[in-house]
Amino acid sequence: MKQLLKERTLLRAAVRDLNTELRALQASQRDIERKLNKDSSQLDKVKDQEIKWRNLISQSMKTETDLLKKKNKAKDKLAELNKKIDRVKTVERELEEM
């Protein structure tokens, strides 16, 4: 009977210790899950920011391409205008020589 009582007492103490350890592990798990959720949220924010930057870069590249096209058109028009000016000067010189 005494032996049985000792075993029960030991088992109860062991169960208490296990419950204490279980609560500590559950608290650790909650902390880890909280940190994971926070990190996940921050990662989502970083990903969103990355997408915004990529879109901005794409938009800037498109704008640059459009500006280069306009620049080339302006250069072509200027070259054509210079040709016309040269023709007018040539005709003017020819008329003066007459």
C-alpha atoms as a PDB file:
ATOM      1  CA  MET A   1       0.000   0.000   0.000  1.00  0.00           C
ATOM      2  CA  LYS A   2       2.818   2.407   0.885  1.00  0.00           C
ATOM      3  CA  GLN A   3       4.591   1.488  -2.312  1.00  0.00           C
ATOM      4  CA  LEU A   4       1.456   2.230  -4.320  1.00  0.00           C
ATOM      5  CA  LEU A   5       1.036   5.593  -2.563  1.00  0.00           C
ATOM      6  CA  LYS A   6       4.666   6.498  -3.313  1.00  0.00           C
ATOM      7  CA  GLU A   7       4.208   5.564  -6.979  1.00  0.00           C
ATOM      8  CA  ARG A   8       1.030   7.642  -7.201  1.00  0.00           C
ATOM      9  CA  THR A   9       2.771  10.594  -5.596  1.00  0.00           C
ATOM     10  CA  LEU A  10       5.687  10.249  -7.988  1.00  0.00           C
ATOM     11  CA  LEU A  11       3.336   9.935 -10.967  1.00  0.00           C
ATOM     12  CA  ARG A  12       1.360  13.018  -9.893  1.00  0.00           C
ATOM     13  CA  ALA A  13       4.582  14.978  -9.521  1.00  0.00           C
ATOM     14  CA  ALA A  14       5.717  13.753 -12.939  1.00  0.00           C
ATOM     15  CA  VAL A  15       2.381  14.761 -14.489  1.00  0.00           C
ATOM     16  CA  ARG A  16       2.645  18.215 -12.861  1.00  0.00           C
ATOM     17  CA  ASP A  17       6.152  18.617 -14.218  1.00  0.00           C
ATOM     18  CA  LEU A  18       4.993  17.507 -17.655  1.00  0.00           C
ATOM     19  CA  ASN A  19       2.080  19.958 -17.559  1.00  0.00           C
ATOM     20  CA  THR A  20       4.434  22.758 -16.542  1.00  0.00           C
ATOM     21  CA  GLU A  21       6.786  21.857 -19.379  1.00  0.00           C
ATOM     22  CA  LEU A  22       3.846  21.590 -21.796  1.00  0.00           C
ATOM     23  CA  ARG A  23       2.628  25.103 -20.858  1.00  0.00           C
ATOM     24  CA  ALA A  24       6.138  26.456 -21.341  1.00  0.00           C
ATOM     25  CA  LEU A  25       6.375  24.787 -24.748  1.00  0.00           C
ATOM     26  CA  GLN A  26       2.950  26.106 -25.733  1.00  0.00           C
ATOM     27  CA  ALA A  27       4.002  29.623 -24.698  1.00  0.00           C
ATOM     28  CA  SER A  28       7.172  29.259 -26.777  1.00  0.00           C
ATOM     29  CA  GLN A  29       5.109  28.032 -29.704  1.00  0.00           C
ATOM     30  CA  ARG A  30       2.794  31.063 -29.458  1.00  0.00           C
ATOM     31  CA  ASP A  31       5.813  33.397 -29.350  1.00  0.00           C
ATOM     32  CA  ILE A  32       7.347  31.734 -32.378  1.00  0.00           C
ATOM     33  CA  GLU A  33       4.028  31.876 -34.266  1.00  0.00           C
ATOM     34  CA  ARG A  34       3.654  35.565 -33.362  1.00  0.00           C
ATOM     35  CA  LYS A  35       7.161  36.306 -34.624  1.00  0.00           C
ATOM     36  CA  LEU A  36       6.529  34.266 -37.765  1.00  0.00           C
ATOM     37  CA  ASN A  37       3.321  36.188 -38.472  1.00  0.00           C
ATOM     38  CA  LYS A  38       5.146  39.483 -37.942  1.00  0.00           C
ATOM     39  CA  ASP A  39       7.979  38.411 -40.233  1.00  0.00           C
ATOM     40  CA  SER A  40       5.485  37.190 -42.806  1.00  0.00           C
ATOM     41  CA  SER A  41       3.682  40.519 -42.686  1.00  0.00           C
ATOM     42  CA  GLN A  42       6.960  42.395 -43.126  1.00  0.00           C
ATOM     43  CA  LEU A  43       7.888  40.123 -46.023  1.00  0.00           C
ATOM     44  CA  ASP A  44       4.549  40.879 -47.683  1.00  0.00           C
ATOM     45  CA  LYS A  45       5.232  44.604 -47.291  1.00  0.00           C
ATOM     46  CA  VAL A  46       8.693  44.194 -48.815  1.00  0.00           C
ATOM     47  CA  LYS A  47       7.237  42.219 -51.721  1.00  0.00           C
ATOM     48  CA  ASP A  48       4.604  44.906 -52.306  1.00  0.00           C
ATOM     49  CA  GLN A  49       7.313  47.577 -52.272  1.00  0.00           C
ATOM     50  CA  GLU A  50       9.391  45.511 -54.714  1.00  0.00           C
ATOM     51  CA  ILE A  51       6.421  45.279 -57.085  1.00  0.00           C
ATOM     52  CA  LYS A  52       5.905  49.057 -56.858  1.00  0.00           C
ATOM     53  CA  TRP A  53       9.596  49.667 -57.640  1.00  0.00           C
ATOM     54  CA  ARG A  54       9.512  47.228 -60.572  1.00  0.00           C
ATOM     55  CA  ASN A  55       6.439  48.962 -61.961  1.00  0.00           C
ATOM     56  CA  LEU A  56       8.099  52.344 -61.521  1.00  0.00           C
ATOM     57  CA  ILE A  57      11.235  51.107 -63.291  1.00  0.00           C
ATOM     58  CA  SER A  58       9.123  49.704 -66.141  1.00  0.00           C
ATOM     59  CA  GLN A  59       7.252  52.979 -66.444  1.00  0.00           C
ATOM     60  CA  SER A  60      10.527  54.929 -66.433  1.00  0.00           C
ATOM     61  CA  MET A  61      11.967  52.681 -69.146  1.00  0.00           C
ATOM     62  CA  LYS A  62       8.868  53.203 -71.293  1.00  0.00           C
ATOM     63  CA  THR A  63       9.091  56.963 -70.780  1.00  0.00           C
ATOM     64  CA  GLU A  64      12.779  56.873 -71.698  1.00  0.00           C
ATOM     65  CA  THR A  65      11.984  54.950 -74.884  1.00  0.00           C
ATOM     66  CA  ASP A  66       9.248  57.418 -75.807  1.00  0.00           C
ATOM     67  CA  LEU A  67      11.581  60.365 -75.188  1.00  0.00           C
ATOM     68  CA  LEU A  68      14.325  58.790 -77.302  1.00  0.00           C
ATOM     69  CA  LYS A  69      11.842  58.339 -80.157  1.00  0.00           C
ATOM     70  CA  LYS A  70      10.767  61.977 -79.870  1.00  0.00           C
ATOM     71  CA  LYS A  71      14.408  63.064 -79.745  1.00  0.00           C
ATOM     72  CA  ASN A  72      15.215  61.102 -82.892  1.00  0.00           C
ATOM     73  CA  LYS A  73      12.164  62.538 -84.682  1.00  0.00           C
ATOM     74  CA  ALA A  74      13.233  66.036 -83.661  1.00  0.00           C
ATOM     75  CA  LYS A  75      16.766  65.353 -84.937  1.00  0.00           C
ATOM     76  CA  ASP A  76      15.359  64.097 -88.249  1.00  0.00           C
ATOM     77  CA  LYS A  77      13.142  67.173 -88.581  1.00  0.00           C
ATOM     78  CA  LEU A  78      16.091  69.436 -87.757  1.00  0.00           C
ATOM     79  CA  ALA A  79      18.243  67.687 -90.369  1.00  0.00           C
ATOM     80  CA  GLU A  80      15.456  68.070 -92.942  1.00  0.00           C
ATOM     81  CA  LEU A  81      15.046  71.723 -92.009  1.00  0.00           C
ATOM     82  CA  ASN A  82      18.811  72.276 -92.355  1.00  0.00           C
ATOM     83  CA  LYS A  83      18.676  70.709 -95.838  1.00  0.00           C
ATOM     84  CA  LYS A  84      15.869  73.061 -96.812  1.00  0.00           C
ATOM     85  CA  ILE A  85      17.800  76.039 -95.419  1.00  0.00           C
ATOM     86  CA  ASP A  86      20.851  74.957 -97.393  1.00  0.00           C
ATOM     87  CA  ARG A  87      18.720  74.710-100.582  1.00  0.00           C
ATOM     88  CA  VAL A  88      17.288  78.155 -99.959  1.00  0.00           C
ATOM     89  CA  LYS A  89      20.782  79.568 -99.424  1.00  0.00           C
ATOM     90  CA  THR A  90      21.954  77.888-102.601  1.00  0.00           C
ATOM     91  CA  VAL A  91      19.058  79.355-104.578  1.00  0.00           C
ATOM     92  CA  GLU A  92      19.676  82.747-102.959  1.00  0.00           C
ATOM     93  CA  ARG A  93      23.345  82.655-103.974  1.00  0.00           C
ATOM     94  CA  GLU A  94      22.421  81.629-107.489  1.00  0.00           C
ATOM     95  CA  LEU A  95      19.957  84.503-107.715  1.00  0.00           C
ATOM     96  CA  GLU A  96      22.566  86.938-106.435  1.00  0.00           C
ATOM     97  CA  GLU A  97      25.016  85.699-109.057  1.00  0.00           C
ATOM     98  CA  MET A  98      22.588  86.474-111.826  1.00  0.00           C
END
